[in-house]
N, C-alpha and C. Protein backbone atom coordinates (compact mmCIF):
# COMPACT_ATOMS: atom_id res chain seq x y z
N MET A 1 -8.36 8.66 28.46
CA MET A 1 -8.26 9.58 27.37
C MET A 1 -6.87 10.45 27.32
N THR A 2 -6.65 11.22 27.77
CA THR A 2 -5.51 11.35 27.67
C THR A 2 -4.06 10.47 27.65
N ARG A 3 -4.38 9.27 28.06
CA ARG A 3 -3.27 8.74 27.49
C ARG A 3 -2.94 8.01 25.78
N PHE A 4 -4.51 7.88 25.36
CA PHE A 4 -4.63 7.62 24.28
C PHE A 4 -4.20 9.33 23.14
N LEU A 5 -4.52 10.34 23.88
CA LEU A 5 -4.24 10.95 22.73
C LEU A 5 -2.39 11.72 22.94
N ILE A 6 -1.34 10.98 23.99
CA ILE A 6 -0.34 10.70 24.20
C ILE A 6 0.12 10.25 23.26
N PHE A 7 -0.81 9.19 23.40
CA PHE A 7 -0.28 7.66 22.00
C PHE A 7 -0.59 8.26 20.34
N ILE A 8 -1.04 9.23 20.56
CA ILE A 8 -1.62 9.29 19.15
C ILE A 8 -0.06 10.57 18.90
N ILE A 9 -0.71 11.49 19.58
CA ILE A 9 0.51 12.46 19.35
C ILE A 9 1.95 11.90 19.09
N LEU A 10 2.30 11.03 20.21
CA LEU A 10 4.11 10.22 20.03
C LEU A 10 4.04 9.34 18.55
N SER A 11 2.99 8.94 18.42
CA SER A 11 2.84 7.94 17.16
C SER A 11 3.31 9.11 15.39
N ILE A 12 2.29 9.70 15.64
CA ILE A 12 2.47 10.81 14.63
C ILE A 12 4.31 11.21 14.39
N LYS A 13 4.26 11.68 16.08
CA LYS A 13 5.94 12.50 15.70
C LYS A 13 6.75 11.04 15.46
N ILE A 14 6.67 10.06 15.98
CA ILE A 14 7.92 9.00 15.50
C ILE A 14 7.72 8.51 13.89
N MET A 15 6.27 8.82 13.38
CA MET A 15 6.32 8.27 12.15
C MET A 15 6.91 9.33 11.30
N GLY A 16 6.65 10.67 11.54
CA GLY A 16 7.12 11.34 11.36
C GLY A 16 6.94 11.90 9.19
N ASN A 17 8.12 12.26 8.88
CA ASN A 17 8.25 11.98 7.36
C ASN A 17 8.90 11.00 7.08
N SER A 18 8.22 9.66 6.83
CA SER A 18 8.68 8.22 6.52
C SER A 18 7.66 7.74 6.03
N PHE A 19 7.82 7.00 5.07
CA PHE A 19 6.88 6.43 3.70
C PHE A 19 6.50 4.60 5.02
N GLU A 20 7.39 4.76 5.89
CA GLU A 20 7.03 3.01 5.87
C GLU A 20 6.14 3.57 7.33
N GLY A 21 5.18 1.96 6.87
CA GLY A 21 3.64 2.54 8.10
C GLY A 21 2.64 2.38 7.17
N TYR A 22 1.20 2.07 7.82
CA TYR A 22 0.44 1.62 7.15
C TYR A 22 -0.32 2.23 6.34
N TRP A 23 -0.63 2.00 4.98
CA TRP A 23 -1.28 3.13 4.07
C TRP A 23 -2.88 2.44 3.66
N LEU A 24 -3.57 3.35 3.87
CA LEU A 24 -5.39 3.12 3.35
C LEU A 24 -5.54 3.41 1.85
N ILE A 25 -6.07 2.39 1.06
CA ILE A 25 -5.79 3.52 -0.14
C ILE A 25 -7.58 4.08 -0.15
N PRO A 26 -7.78 4.54 -0.94
CA PRO A 26 -8.65 5.90 -1.02
C PRO A 26 -9.89 5.16 -1.38
N SER A 27 -9.91 4.21 -1.92
CA SER A 27 -11.46 3.47 -1.56
C SER A 27 -11.56 2.60 -0.29
N GLY A 28 -10.72 2.79 0.53
CA GLY A 28 -11.01 2.22 1.91
C GLY A 28 -11.06 0.90 2.05
N LYS A 29 -10.96 0.26 1.00
CA LYS A 29 -11.33 -1.68 0.96
C LYS A 29 -9.56 -2.05 1.38
N THR A 30 -8.37 -1.40 1.16
CA THR A 30 -7.09 -1.76 0.97
C THR A 30 -6.28 -1.10 2.42
N ILE A 31 -5.33 -1.96 2.93
CA ILE A 31 -4.23 -1.34 3.95
C ILE A 31 -3.19 -1.68 3.04
N ILE A 32 -2.45 -1.33 2.59
CA ILE A 32 -1.07 -1.56 2.61
C ILE A 32 0.25 -1.50 3.76
N ARG A 33 0.96 -2.20 4.04
CA ARG A 33 2.31 -2.02 5.04
C ARG A 33 3.38 -1.37 3.85
N ILE A 34 3.81 -0.60 4.17
CA ILE A 34 5.19 -0.26 3.64
C ILE A 34 6.26 -0.17 4.19
N THR A 35 7.59 -1.07 3.64
CA THR A 35 8.66 -1.20 4.85
C THR A 35 9.60 -1.16 4.04
N GLN A 36 10.80 -1.01 5.02
CA GLN A 36 12.09 -0.64 4.04
C GLN A 36 13.27 -1.65 4.82
N GLU A 37 13.45 -2.12 3.11
CA GLU A 37 15.17 -3.14 3.93
C GLU A 37 16.24 -2.64 2.86
N ASN A 38 16.95 -2.30 3.56
CA ASN A 38 18.18 -1.90 3.02
C ASN A 38 18.31 -0.71 2.22
N ASN A 39 18.25 -0.17 0.97
CA ASN A 39 17.64 0.47 0.45
C ASN A 39 16.83 0.44 -0.54
N GLU A 40 15.97 -0.16 0.12
CA GLU A 40 14.32 -0.14 -1.20
C GLU A 40 13.37 -0.48 -0.67
N PHE A 41 12.19 0.05 -0.46
CA PHE A 41 10.68 -0.40 -0.24
C PHE A 41 10.02 -0.80 -0.67
N SER A 42 9.35 -1.61 -0.14
CA SER A 42 8.01 -2.64 -0.46
C SER A 42 6.75 -2.28 0.18
N GLY A 43 5.65 -2.99 -0.35
CA GLY A 43 4.45 -3.10 0.68
C GLY A 43 3.74 -4.04 0.00
N HIS A 44 2.89 -4.48 1.12
CA HIS A 44 2.15 -5.52 0.79
C HIS A 44 1.08 -5.42 1.52
N VAL A 45 0.02 -5.85 0.93
CA VAL A 45 -1.33 -5.93 1.51
C VAL A 45 -1.65 -6.71 2.68
N VAL A 46 -1.97 -6.02 3.85
CA VAL A 46 -2.20 -6.30 5.47
C VAL A 46 -3.69 -6.54 5.96
N TRP A 47 -4.43 -5.69 5.27
CA TRP A 47 -5.78 -5.74 5.34
C TRP A 47 -6.76 -5.44 4.38
N LEU A 48 -7.89 -6.24 4.60
CA LEU A 48 -9.08 -5.99 3.04
C LEU A 48 -10.58 -6.23 4.20
N LYS A 49 -11.05 -4.95 3.57
CA LYS A 49 -12.43 -4.87 4.43
C LYS A 49 -13.36 -5.78 3.78
N ASP A 50 -13.12 -6.32 2.79
CA ASP A 50 -13.78 -7.81 2.47
C ASP A 50 -12.73 -8.94 1.94
N PRO A 51 -12.91 -9.50 2.53
CA PRO A 51 -11.79 -10.55 2.41
C PRO A 51 -12.19 -11.69 1.49
N LEU A 52 -13.73 -11.92 1.59
CA LEU A 52 -13.87 -12.96 0.77
C LEU A 52 -14.95 -12.13 -0.60
N TYR A 53 -15.15 -12.79 -1.67
CA TYR A 53 -15.83 -11.75 -2.58
C TYR A 53 -17.21 -12.00 -2.46
N PRO A 54 -17.40 -10.89 -2.72
CA PRO A 54 -19.39 -10.24 -2.08
C PRO A 54 -20.29 -11.54 -3.16
N GLU A 55 -21.16 -11.20 -2.74
CA GLU A 55 -22.66 -11.37 -3.10
C GLU A 55 -22.43 -11.15 -4.36
N GLY A 56 -23.02 -12.19 -5.56
CA GLY A 56 -23.03 -11.94 -6.89
C GLY A 56 -21.86 -12.08 -7.70
N ASP A 57 -20.42 -12.35 -7.29
CA ASP A 57 -19.36 -12.55 -8.09
C ASP A 57 -19.10 -13.98 -8.27
N PRO A 58 -18.69 -14.27 -9.29
CA PRO A 58 -18.74 -15.76 -9.81
C PRO A 58 -17.95 -16.80 -8.45
N MET A 59 -16.92 -16.17 -7.76
CA MET A 59 -16.50 -16.50 -6.69
C MET A 59 -16.86 -16.30 -5.05
N GLU A 60 -18.11 -15.84 -5.43
CA GLU A 60 -18.66 -15.44 -3.56
C GLU A 60 -18.42 -16.33 -2.65
N GLY A 61 -18.48 -16.01 -1.90
CA GLY A 61 -17.89 -16.63 -0.86
C GLY A 61 -16.20 -17.01 -0.31
N GLU A 62 -15.93 -17.06 -1.29
CA GLU A 62 -14.59 -17.56 -1.56
C GLU A 62 -13.47 -16.41 -0.95
N ILE A 63 -12.24 -16.73 -0.42
CA ILE A 63 -11.11 -15.78 0.05
C ILE A 63 -10.74 -14.81 -1.89
N GLN A 64 -10.61 -13.99 -1.34
CA GLN A 64 -9.99 -12.76 -2.72
C GLN A 64 -8.55 -13.28 -2.91
N ILE A 65 -8.22 -14.04 -4.71
CA ILE A 65 -6.99 -13.97 -4.97
C ILE A 65 -6.38 -13.76 -5.80
N ASP A 66 -5.39 -13.77 -6.33
CA ASP A 66 -4.81 -13.15 -7.74
C ASP A 66 -4.96 -13.39 -9.27
N ARG A 67 -6.51 -13.44 -9.53
CA ARG A 67 -7.19 -14.20 -10.57
C ARG A 67 -6.97 -13.61 -11.86
N LYS A 68 -6.31 -12.22 -11.68
CA LYS A 68 -6.44 -12.14 -12.85
C LYS A 68 -4.92 -11.26 -13.49
N ASN A 69 -4.26 -12.08 -12.52
CA ASN A 69 -2.96 -12.11 -13.09
C ASN A 69 -2.34 -12.80 -14.35
N PRO A 70 -1.54 -12.31 -15.16
CA PRO A 70 -1.39 -12.78 -16.89
C PRO A 70 -0.79 -14.26 -16.66
N ASP A 71 0.06 -14.58 -15.01
CA ASP A 71 0.62 -15.69 -14.76
C ASP A 71 -0.09 -16.72 -14.71
N LEU A 72 -0.44 -17.51 -15.15
CA LEU A 72 -1.69 -18.48 -14.73
C LEU A 72 -0.99 -19.15 -13.24
N LEU A 73 0.54 -19.41 -13.05
CA LEU A 73 0.58 -20.16 -11.44
C LEU A 73 0.58 -19.15 -10.54
N LEU A 74 0.24 -18.12 -10.78
CA LEU A 74 0.41 -17.25 -9.51
C LEU A 74 -1.47 -16.71 -9.56
N ARG A 75 -2.06 -17.21 -10.42
CA ARG A 75 -3.82 -16.51 -10.13
C ARG A 75 -4.12 -17.27 -8.56
N LYS A 76 -3.39 -18.21 -8.23
CA LYS A 76 -4.46 -18.67 -6.43
C LYS A 76 -3.79 -17.74 -5.42
N ARG A 77 -2.55 -17.25 -5.65
CA ARG A 77 -2.22 -16.49 -4.81
C ARG A 77 -3.24 -15.95 -3.65
N LYS A 78 -3.65 -15.28 -2.92
CA LYS A 78 -4.13 -14.65 -2.03
C LYS A 78 -3.93 -13.15 -1.68
N VAL A 79 -4.84 -12.63 -2.05
CA VAL A 79 -4.71 -10.90 -1.93
C VAL A 79 -4.27 -10.45 -1.07
N LEU A 80 -4.40 -10.83 0.33
CA LEU A 80 -4.41 -10.55 1.68
C LEU A 80 -2.70 -10.88 1.78
N GLY A 81 -1.64 -10.30 2.01
CA GLY A 81 -0.34 -10.62 2.13
C GLY A 81 0.31 -10.45 0.77
N LEU A 82 -0.23 -10.00 -0.69
CA LEU A 82 0.02 -10.04 -1.41
C LEU A 82 1.15 -8.90 -1.98
N LYS A 83 2.41 -8.74 -2.26
CA LYS A 83 3.47 -7.93 -2.39
C LYS A 83 2.61 -7.11 -3.92
N VAL A 84 2.31 -5.62 -3.20
CA VAL A 84 1.70 -4.61 -4.16
C VAL A 84 3.07 -3.16 -4.81
N VAL A 85 3.77 -3.14 -3.82
CA VAL A 85 4.95 -2.13 -4.04
C VAL A 85 6.22 -2.82 -4.05
N GLY A 86 7.17 -2.87 -4.83
CA GLY A 86 8.54 -3.11 -4.92
C GLY A 86 9.24 -2.18 -5.06
N ASN A 87 10.78 -2.74 -4.96
CA ASN A 87 11.54 -1.51 -5.68
C ASN A 87 12.40 -0.38 -5.40
N MET A 88 11.27 0.11 -4.87
CA MET A 88 11.19 1.27 -4.88
C MET A 88 12.39 2.36 -3.96
N GLN A 89 12.96 3.12 -4.50
CA GLN A 89 14.48 3.76 -3.65
C GLN A 89 13.87 5.43 -3.63
N LEU A 90 14.46 5.57 -2.22
CA LEU A 90 14.44 7.10 -2.49
C LEU A 90 15.14 7.77 -3.38
N ASP A 91 14.76 8.91 -3.84
CA ASP A 91 15.15 9.94 -4.84
C ASP A 91 16.23 10.86 -4.27
N PRO A 92 17.90 10.31 -4.72
CA PRO A 92 18.59 11.29 -3.89
C PRO A 92 18.55 12.74 -4.27
N GLU A 93 17.48 13.02 -5.30
CA GLU A 93 17.26 14.86 -4.85
C GLU A 93 16.00 14.69 -4.19
N ASN A 94 15.46 14.49 -3.75
CA ASN A 94 14.48 14.58 -3.14
C ASN A 94 13.93 13.59 -2.07
N SER A 95 14.16 13.78 -0.87
CA SER A 95 13.65 12.57 0.13
C SER A 95 12.62 12.34 0.83
N ASN A 96 11.19 12.99 -0.23
CA ASN A 96 9.93 12.77 -0.10
C ASN A 96 9.29 11.90 -1.24
N VAL A 97 10.31 11.79 -2.26
CA VAL A 97 9.98 10.29 -2.99
C VAL A 97 10.58 9.58 -3.55
N LEU A 98 9.75 8.48 -3.39
CA LEU A 98 10.49 7.32 -3.64
C LEU A 98 10.21 6.79 -5.64
N LYS A 99 11.49 6.14 -6.15
CA LYS A 99 10.88 5.98 -7.56
C LYS A 99 11.94 4.80 -7.75
N GLY A 100 11.61 4.19 -9.16
CA GLY A 100 12.83 3.08 -9.88
C GLY A 100 11.96 2.23 -9.67
N GLY A 101 10.93 1.78 -8.87
CA GLY A 101 9.93 0.61 -8.54
C GLY A 101 8.79 0.60 -9.50
N TRP A 102 8.17 -1.05 -8.99
CA TRP A 102 6.75 -1.04 -9.67
C TRP A 102 5.84 -0.77 -8.60
N VAL A 103 4.42 -0.96 -9.16
CA VAL A 103 2.98 -1.11 -8.19
C VAL A 103 2.40 -2.10 -8.95
N TYR A 104 1.69 -2.99 -8.24
CA TYR A 104 1.03 -4.03 -8.87
C TYR A 104 -0.61 -3.93 -8.96
N ASP A 105 -1.43 -4.02 -9.38
CA ASP A 105 -2.44 -3.57 -9.35
C ASP A 105 -3.33 -4.91 -9.42
N SER A 106 -3.73 -5.90 -8.58
CA SER A 106 -4.12 -7.13 -8.47
C SER A 106 -5.67 -7.44 -9.07
N TRP A 107 -6.23 -6.19 -8.98
CA TRP A 107 -7.68 -6.23 -9.77
C TRP A 107 -7.67 -6.40 -11.13
N ASN A 108 -6.51 -5.63 -11.30
CA ASN A 108 -6.37 -5.73 -13.35
C ASN A 108 -5.38 -7.11 -13.39
N GLY A 109 -4.29 -7.29 -12.51
CA GLY A 109 -3.46 -8.08 -12.77
C GLY A 109 -2.02 -8.11 -13.63
N LYS A 110 -2.35 -6.54 -13.61
CA LYS A 110 -1.22 -5.81 -13.96
C LYS A 110 -0.06 -4.68 -13.28
N LYS A 111 1.33 -5.22 -13.48
CA LYS A 111 2.32 -4.36 -13.29
C LYS A 111 2.63 -3.22 -13.49
N TYR A 112 2.99 -2.21 -13.18
CA TYR A 112 3.83 -0.66 -13.58
C TYR A 112 4.70 -0.42 -13.21
N TYR A 113 5.10 0.99 -13.85
CA TYR A 113 6.20 1.77 -13.29
C TYR A 113 5.58 2.40 -11.89
N GLY A 114 6.40 2.77 -10.84
CA GLY A 114 6.45 2.75 -9.80
C GLY A 114 6.98 4.33 -9.27
N LYS A 115 5.85 5.16 -8.40
CA LYS A 115 6.66 6.16 -7.84
C LYS A 115 5.55 6.45 -6.63
N ALA A 116 6.20 7.02 -5.53
CA ALA A 116 5.87 7.35 -4.48
C ALA A 116 5.86 8.63 -3.95
N GLU A 117 4.85 9.95 -3.47
CA GLU A 117 5.87 11.20 -2.88
C GLU A 117 4.83 11.31 -1.71
N LEU A 118 5.43 11.46 -0.52
CA LEU A 118 4.96 12.42 0.50
C LEU A 118 4.43 13.56 0.41
N SER A 119 3.11 14.20 0.14
CA SER A 119 3.03 15.36 0.09
C SER A 119 2.79 15.69 1.25
N GLU A 120 2.79 15.38 2.24
CA GLU A 120 2.27 15.49 4.13
C GLU A 120 2.43 14.58 4.88
N ASP A 121 2.95 14.47 6.28
CA ASP A 121 3.24 13.74 6.70
C ASP A 121 2.48 12.36 6.66
N ASN A 122 0.71 12.79 6.23
CA ASN A 122 0.12 11.41 6.61
C ASN A 122 -0.75 11.14 5.06
N LEU A 123 -0.14 11.75 4.27
CA LEU A 123 -0.66 11.64 2.93
C LEU A 123 0.40 11.26 1.56
N LEU A 124 0.07 9.93 1.17
CA LEU A 124 0.98 9.16 0.57
C LEU A 124 0.57 9.26 -0.92
N LYS A 125 0.92 9.58 -2.44
CA LYS A 125 0.60 9.69 -3.51
C LYS A 125 1.03 8.71 -4.52
N LEU A 126 0.77 7.72 -4.61
CA LEU A 126 1.58 7.01 -5.18
C LEU A 126 0.54 6.16 -6.56
N ARG A 127 2.14 6.33 -7.30
CA ARG A 127 1.72 6.60 -9.10
C ARG A 127 1.62 5.43 -9.45
N GLY A 128 1.07 4.58 -10.47
CA GLY A 128 1.44 3.53 -11.42
C GLY A 128 1.45 3.89 -12.85
N SER A 129 2.45 4.00 -13.52
CA SER A 129 2.40 4.20 -15.02
C SER A 129 3.10 3.32 -15.66
N LEU A 130 2.56 3.54 -17.10
CA LEU A 130 2.61 2.48 -18.05
C LEU A 130 4.41 2.60 -18.59
N ASP A 131 4.95 3.85 -18.44
CA ASP A 131 5.96 4.36 -19.07
C ASP A 131 6.92 4.82 -17.92
N PRO A 132 7.99 4.90 -18.38
CA PRO A 132 9.05 5.10 -16.93
C PRO A 132 9.33 6.36 -16.42
N TRP A 133 8.74 7.11 -17.10
CA TRP A 133 8.77 8.51 -16.78
C TRP A 133 7.57 9.01 -16.30
N GLY A 134 6.25 7.71 -15.83
CA GLY A 134 5.16 8.37 -15.29
C GLY A 134 4.62 9.48 -16.06
N ILE A 135 4.55 9.61 -17.06
CA ILE A 135 3.29 10.79 -17.86
C ILE A 135 2.31 9.97 -18.49
N VAL A 136 2.13 8.62 -18.66
CA VAL A 136 0.99 8.12 -18.84
C VAL A 136 0.54 7.25 -17.57
N GLY A 137 -0.47 7.03 -16.35
CA GLY A 137 -1.04 6.61 -15.24
C GLY A 137 -1.69 6.75 -14.39
N TYR A 138 -1.97 6.54 -13.59
CA TYR A 138 -3.04 6.99 -12.38
C TYR A 138 -2.43 6.83 -10.90
N SER A 139 -2.94 7.86 -10.09
CA SER A 139 -2.47 8.07 -8.80
C SER A 139 -3.41 7.92 -8.00
N GLN A 140 -2.80 7.29 -6.66
CA GLN A 140 -3.94 7.18 -5.32
C GLN A 140 -3.33 7.56 -4.14
N LYS A 141 -4.06 8.81 -3.37
CA LYS A 141 -3.81 9.17 -2.38
C LYS A 141 -3.95 8.39 -1.13
N CYS A 142 -3.28 7.98 -0.55
CA CYS A 142 -3.04 7.25 0.68
C CYS A 142 -3.34 7.83 1.77
N THR A 143 -4.09 7.13 2.67
CA THR A 143 -3.66 8.30 4.16
C THR A 143 -3.15 7.23 5.02
N ARG A 144 -2.32 7.81 6.10
CA ARG A 144 -1.83 6.84 6.81
C ARG A 144 -2.73 6.63 7.78
N VAL A 145 -2.35 5.62 8.57
CA VAL A 145 -3.27 4.81 9.21
C VAL A 145 -2.91 5.06 10.51
N ILE A 146 -3.24 5.94 11.50
CA ILE A 146 -3.02 6.65 12.93
C ILE A 146 -3.03 5.37 13.81
N SER A 147 -4.32 4.36 13.28
CA SER A 147 -4.46 3.30 14.74
C SER A 147 -4.95 2.28 13.92
N PRO A 148 -4.06 2.04 13.67
CA PRO A 148 -4.02 0.29 13.39
C PRO A 148 -4.47 -0.41 13.75
N GLU A 149 -5.15 -0.17 15.32
CA GLU A 149 -5.54 -1.33 15.90
C GLU A 149 -6.99 -1.30 16.33
N LYS A 150 -7.18 -0.27 15.27
CA LYS A 150 -8.64 -0.17 14.79
C LYS A 150 -9.16 -1.40 13.57
N TYR A 151 -8.16 -1.26 12.69
CA TYR A 151 -8.29 -2.64 11.86
C TYR A 151 -7.98 -4.00 11.98
N GLY A 152 -7.45 -4.18 13.67
CA GLY A 152 -7.06 -5.38 14.01
C GLY A 152 -5.45 -5.76 13.61
N LEU A 153 -4.97 -4.44 13.05
CA LEU A 153 -3.64 -4.57 12.78
C LEU A 153 -2.57 -4.25 13.45
N PRO A 154 -1.27 -4.82 14.04
CA PRO A 154 -0.15 -4.63 14.97
C PRO A 154 0.45 -3.23 15.00
N LEU A 155 0.83 -2.66 16.43
CA LEU A 155 1.51 -1.33 16.42
C LEU A 155 2.62 -1.33 15.58
N ILE A 156 3.35 -0.44 15.18
CA ILE A 156 4.53 -0.99 14.41
C ILE A 156 5.91 -0.29 15.67
N ASN A 157 7.12 -0.94 15.60
CA ASN A 157 7.65 0.04 16.51
C ASN A 157 8.65 0.79 15.86
């Protein structure tokens, strides 16, 4: 038990004030992993509570795909592994903000202007908006996944 508590404390300390890591979407049905490559941050779906379409859905029992994508050629992409956050960069005036990128909602097949803000170490406000100023849109408060092994995800070094 002591080792587990030390692991949790060290994990929180290592993650600190960072966008990188696993983030649970408020519905509890999806986890995205945000990573940084060079100066850009992106996020991919790495876990789905229900990887198959549920009972009553026209595609019941099949693997969830990007079926509402406006591009017919992309509709067969699996949701698991799908890039849903892209091209975000640190705001030079506020290191707790990412901006300038996009957020994709596979549930409706739409891409939005994106912004992300760390309001606390383990809380990420992810915003998708119709306009580049972020006036018209929606936000989700995602929580950092502290114990990724609980979801069958690997630990991040």
